[in-house]
N, C-alpha and C. Protein backbone atom coordinates (compact mmCIF):
# COMPACT_ATOMS: atom_id res chain seq x y z
N MET A 1 -7.99 -166.17 -41.39
CA MET A 1 -6.67 -166.59 -41.34
C MET A 1 -6.29 -167.18 -42.63
N PRO A 2 -5.10 -167.19 -43.22
CA PRO A 2 -4.98 -167.95 -44.24
C PRO A 2 -4.86 -169.50 -44.15
N LYS A 3 -4.74 -170.31 -45.19
CA LYS A 3 -4.66 -171.68 -44.91
C LYS A 3 -3.27 -172.20 -44.47
N MET A 4 -3.34 -173.22 -43.87
CA MET A 4 -2.12 -173.82 -43.39
C MET A 4 -1.38 -174.45 -44.59
N LYS A 5 -0.19 -174.22 -44.63
CA LYS A 5 0.50 -174.78 -45.56
C LYS A 5 1.24 -176.20 -45.13
N THR A 6 1.10 -177.20 -46.00
CA THR A 6 1.73 -178.66 -45.89
C THR A 6 3.19 -178.53 -45.93
N HIS A 7 3.88 -179.31 -44.88
CA HIS A 7 5.27 -179.24 -45.05
C HIS A 7 5.89 -179.98 -46.26
N SER A 8 6.71 -179.40 -47.10
CA SER A 8 7.18 -179.88 -48.38
C SER A 8 7.63 -181.22 -48.23
N GLY A 9 8.64 -181.25 -47.11
CA GLY A 9 9.45 -182.57 -47.18
C GLY A 9 8.65 -183.58 -46.80
N ALA A 10 7.51 -183.31 -45.85
CA ALA A 10 6.66 -184.26 -45.37
C ALA A 10 5.92 -185.09 -46.51
N LYS A 11 5.37 -184.10 -47.39
CA LYS A 11 4.41 -184.61 -48.22
C LYS A 11 5.04 -185.53 -49.22
N LYS A 12 6.54 -185.39 -49.48
CA LYS A 12 7.28 -186.38 -50.20
C LYS A 12 7.47 -187.56 -49.55
N ARG A 13 7.54 -187.70 -48.30
CA ARG A 13 8.11 -188.90 -47.56
C ARG A 13 6.96 -189.75 -47.03
N PHE A 14 5.71 -189.06 -46.67
CA PHE A 14 4.48 -189.95 -46.19
C PHE A 14 3.37 -190.04 -46.91
N LYS A 15 2.70 -191.09 -46.83
CA LYS A 15 1.41 -191.33 -47.60
C LYS A 15 0.35 -191.80 -46.45
N LEU A 16 -0.94 -191.67 -46.71
CA LEU A 16 -1.79 -192.03 -45.95
C LEU A 16 -2.42 -193.50 -46.43
N THR A 17 -2.92 -194.23 -45.54
CA THR A 17 -3.32 -195.63 -45.78
C THR A 17 -4.93 -195.37 -45.97
N GLY A 18 -5.51 -196.32 -46.30
CA GLY A 18 -7.12 -196.23 -46.44
C GLY A 18 -7.74 -196.02 -44.87
N THR A 19 -7.29 -196.42 -44.02
CA THR A 19 -7.67 -196.50 -42.73
C THR A 19 -7.38 -195.17 -42.00
N GLY A 20 -6.39 -194.29 -42.67
CA GLY A 20 -5.88 -193.10 -42.10
C GLY A 20 -4.76 -193.25 -41.18
N LYS A 21 -4.01 -194.32 -41.36
CA LYS A 21 -2.46 -194.55 -40.66
C LYS A 21 -1.54 -193.75 -41.65
N ILE A 22 -0.32 -193.36 -41.32
CA ILE A 22 0.49 -192.77 -42.07
C ILE A 22 1.59 -193.81 -42.34
N LYS A 23 1.82 -193.93 -43.51
CA LYS A 23 2.69 -194.98 -44.14
C LYS A 23 4.18 -194.41 -44.37
N ARG A 24 5.40 -194.85 -44.25
CA ARG A 24 6.62 -194.37 -44.28
C ARG A 24 7.58 -195.40 -44.84
N LYS A 25 8.68 -194.99 -45.44
CA LYS A 25 9.57 -195.88 -46.05
C LYS A 25 10.73 -195.86 -45.02
N HIS A 26 11.38 -197.09 -45.11
CA HIS A 26 12.64 -197.30 -44.22
C HIS A 26 13.96 -196.51 -44.50
N ALA A 27 14.72 -196.27 -43.58
CA ALA A 27 15.89 -195.35 -44.03
C ALA A 27 16.96 -196.55 -44.27
N TYR A 28 18.12 -195.91 -44.72
CA TYR A 28 19.18 -196.92 -45.09
C TYR A 28 19.13 -197.51 -46.13
N LYS A 29 18.31 -197.33 -47.25
CA LYS A 29 17.99 -198.00 -48.53
C LYS A 29 18.57 -197.03 -49.77
N SER A 30 19.23 -195.95 -49.60
CA SER A 30 19.35 -195.09 -50.64
C SER A 30 20.54 -195.21 -51.25
N HIS A 31 21.71 -195.48 -50.51
CA HIS A 31 22.92 -195.42 -51.02
C HIS A 31 24.05 -196.19 -50.18
N ILE A 32 25.17 -196.53 -50.64
CA ILE A 32 26.23 -197.53 -49.92
C ILE A 32 25.35 -198.90 -49.60
N LEU A 33 25.00 -199.61 -50.79
CA LEU A 33 24.23 -200.70 -50.96
C LEU A 33 25.01 -201.77 -50.86
N THR A 34 26.42 -201.67 -51.37
CA THR A 34 27.05 -202.74 -51.62
C THR A 34 27.70 -203.68 -50.23
N LYS A 35 27.65 -202.89 -49.06
CA LYS A 35 28.15 -203.56 -47.91
C LYS A 35 26.89 -204.09 -47.27
N LYS A 36 25.91 -203.84 -47.61
CA LYS A 36 24.58 -204.38 -46.83
C LYS A 36 24.34 -205.79 -47.49
N THR A 37 23.76 -206.71 -46.61
CA THR A 37 23.45 -208.08 -47.20
C THR A 37 22.18 -207.87 -48.01
N THR A 38 21.68 -209.01 -48.99
CA THR A 38 20.52 -208.90 -49.62
C THR A 38 19.26 -209.07 -48.65
N LYS A 39 19.53 -209.82 -47.57
CA LYS A 39 18.50 -209.85 -46.64
C LYS A 39 18.11 -208.64 -45.90
N GLN A 40 19.20 -207.75 -45.65
CA GLN A 40 18.94 -206.66 -44.96
C GLN A 40 18.19 -205.50 -46.17
N LYS A 41 18.65 -205.59 -47.31
CA LYS A 41 18.21 -204.57 -48.40
C LYS A 41 16.68 -204.92 -48.67
N ARG A 42 16.24 -206.22 -48.71
CA ARG A 42 15.05 -206.85 -49.03
C ARG A 42 14.09 -206.45 -47.87
N ASN A 43 14.50 -206.57 -46.56
CA ASN A 43 13.63 -206.23 -45.43
C ASN A 43 13.36 -204.82 -45.29
N LEU A 44 14.46 -203.90 -45.93
CA LEU A 44 14.14 -202.30 -45.90
C LEU A 44 13.08 -201.87 -47.02
N THR A 45 12.87 -202.73 -47.94
CA THR A 45 12.08 -202.57 -48.97
C THR A 45 10.59 -202.19 -48.62
N HIS A 46 10.08 -202.88 -47.72
CA HIS A 46 8.81 -202.93 -47.21
C HIS A 46 8.42 -201.65 -46.47
N ALA A 47 7.37 -200.96 -46.65
CA ALA A 47 7.02 -199.84 -46.12
C ALA A 47 6.57 -200.21 -44.52
N GLY A 48 6.77 -199.29 -43.73
CA GLY A 48 6.22 -199.34 -42.31
C GLY A 48 5.34 -198.30 -42.09
N LEU A 49 4.94 -198.41 -40.71
CA LEU A 49 3.93 -197.27 -40.40
C LEU A 49 4.72 -196.31 -39.31
N VAL A 50 4.12 -195.16 -39.26
CA VAL A 50 4.96 -194.15 -38.43
C VAL A 50 4.36 -194.56 -37.00
N SER A 51 5.39 -194.47 -36.12
CA SER A 51 5.00 -195.03 -34.61
C SER A 51 4.24 -194.01 -33.83
N SER A 52 3.28 -194.57 -33.01
CA SER A 52 2.33 -193.74 -32.48
C SER A 52 3.03 -192.53 -31.58
N GLY A 53 4.07 -192.43 -31.12
CA GLY A 53 4.68 -191.27 -30.65
C GLY A 53 5.03 -190.13 -31.71
N ASP A 54 5.39 -190.51 -33.03
CA ASP A 54 5.53 -189.46 -33.86
C ASP A 54 4.25 -189.29 -34.77
N THR A 55 3.11 -189.79 -34.67
CA THR A 55 2.02 -189.70 -35.63
C THR A 55 1.55 -188.28 -35.48
N ASP A 56 1.34 -187.84 -33.98
CA ASP A 56 0.73 -186.25 -34.09
C ASP A 56 1.86 -185.31 -34.74
N ARG A 57 3.02 -185.59 -34.57
CA ARG A 57 4.09 -184.48 -35.23
C ARG A 57 3.94 -184.50 -36.75
N VAL A 58 3.76 -185.82 -37.27
CA VAL A 58 3.68 -185.98 -38.70
C VAL A 58 2.36 -185.53 -39.23
N ALA A 59 1.40 -185.82 -38.63
CA ALA A 59 -0.11 -185.43 -38.98
C ALA A 59 -0.19 -183.90 -38.92
N LYS A 60 0.61 -183.22 -38.17
CA LYS A 60 0.62 -181.74 -38.12
C LYS A 60 1.32 -181.17 -39.29
N MET A 61 2.53 -181.75 -39.70
CA MET A 61 3.14 -181.23 -40.94
C MET A 61 2.32 -181.67 -42.23
N LEU A 62 1.65 -182.69 -42.13
CA LEU A 62 0.75 -182.96 -43.38
C LEU A 62 -0.66 -182.22 -43.13
N VAL A 63 -0.87 -181.41 -42.21
CA VAL A 63 -1.87 -180.52 -41.95
C VAL A 63 -3.15 -181.42 -41.96
N LEU A 64 -2.99 -182.62 -41.23
CA LEU A 64 -4.29 -183.47 -40.87
C LEU A 64 -4.91 -183.28 -39.53
N LYS A 65 -4.32 -182.37 -38.82
CA LYS A 65 -4.87 -182.14 -37.52
C LYS A 65 -5.27 -180.49 -37.45
């Protein structure tokens, strides 16, 4: 069988941590920033982790499973 291909959109959006968890960015930080408060924009800057319910789906797109 041929090799599995990584999902191109997923490889641009997710990274792995050293312990193997999947890191993601927050949404709502790309445009229309004038109406958002400084506090809101600051809190969206920090990266988060993919929730446990979505981990299997994202790992499959990244061909980790």
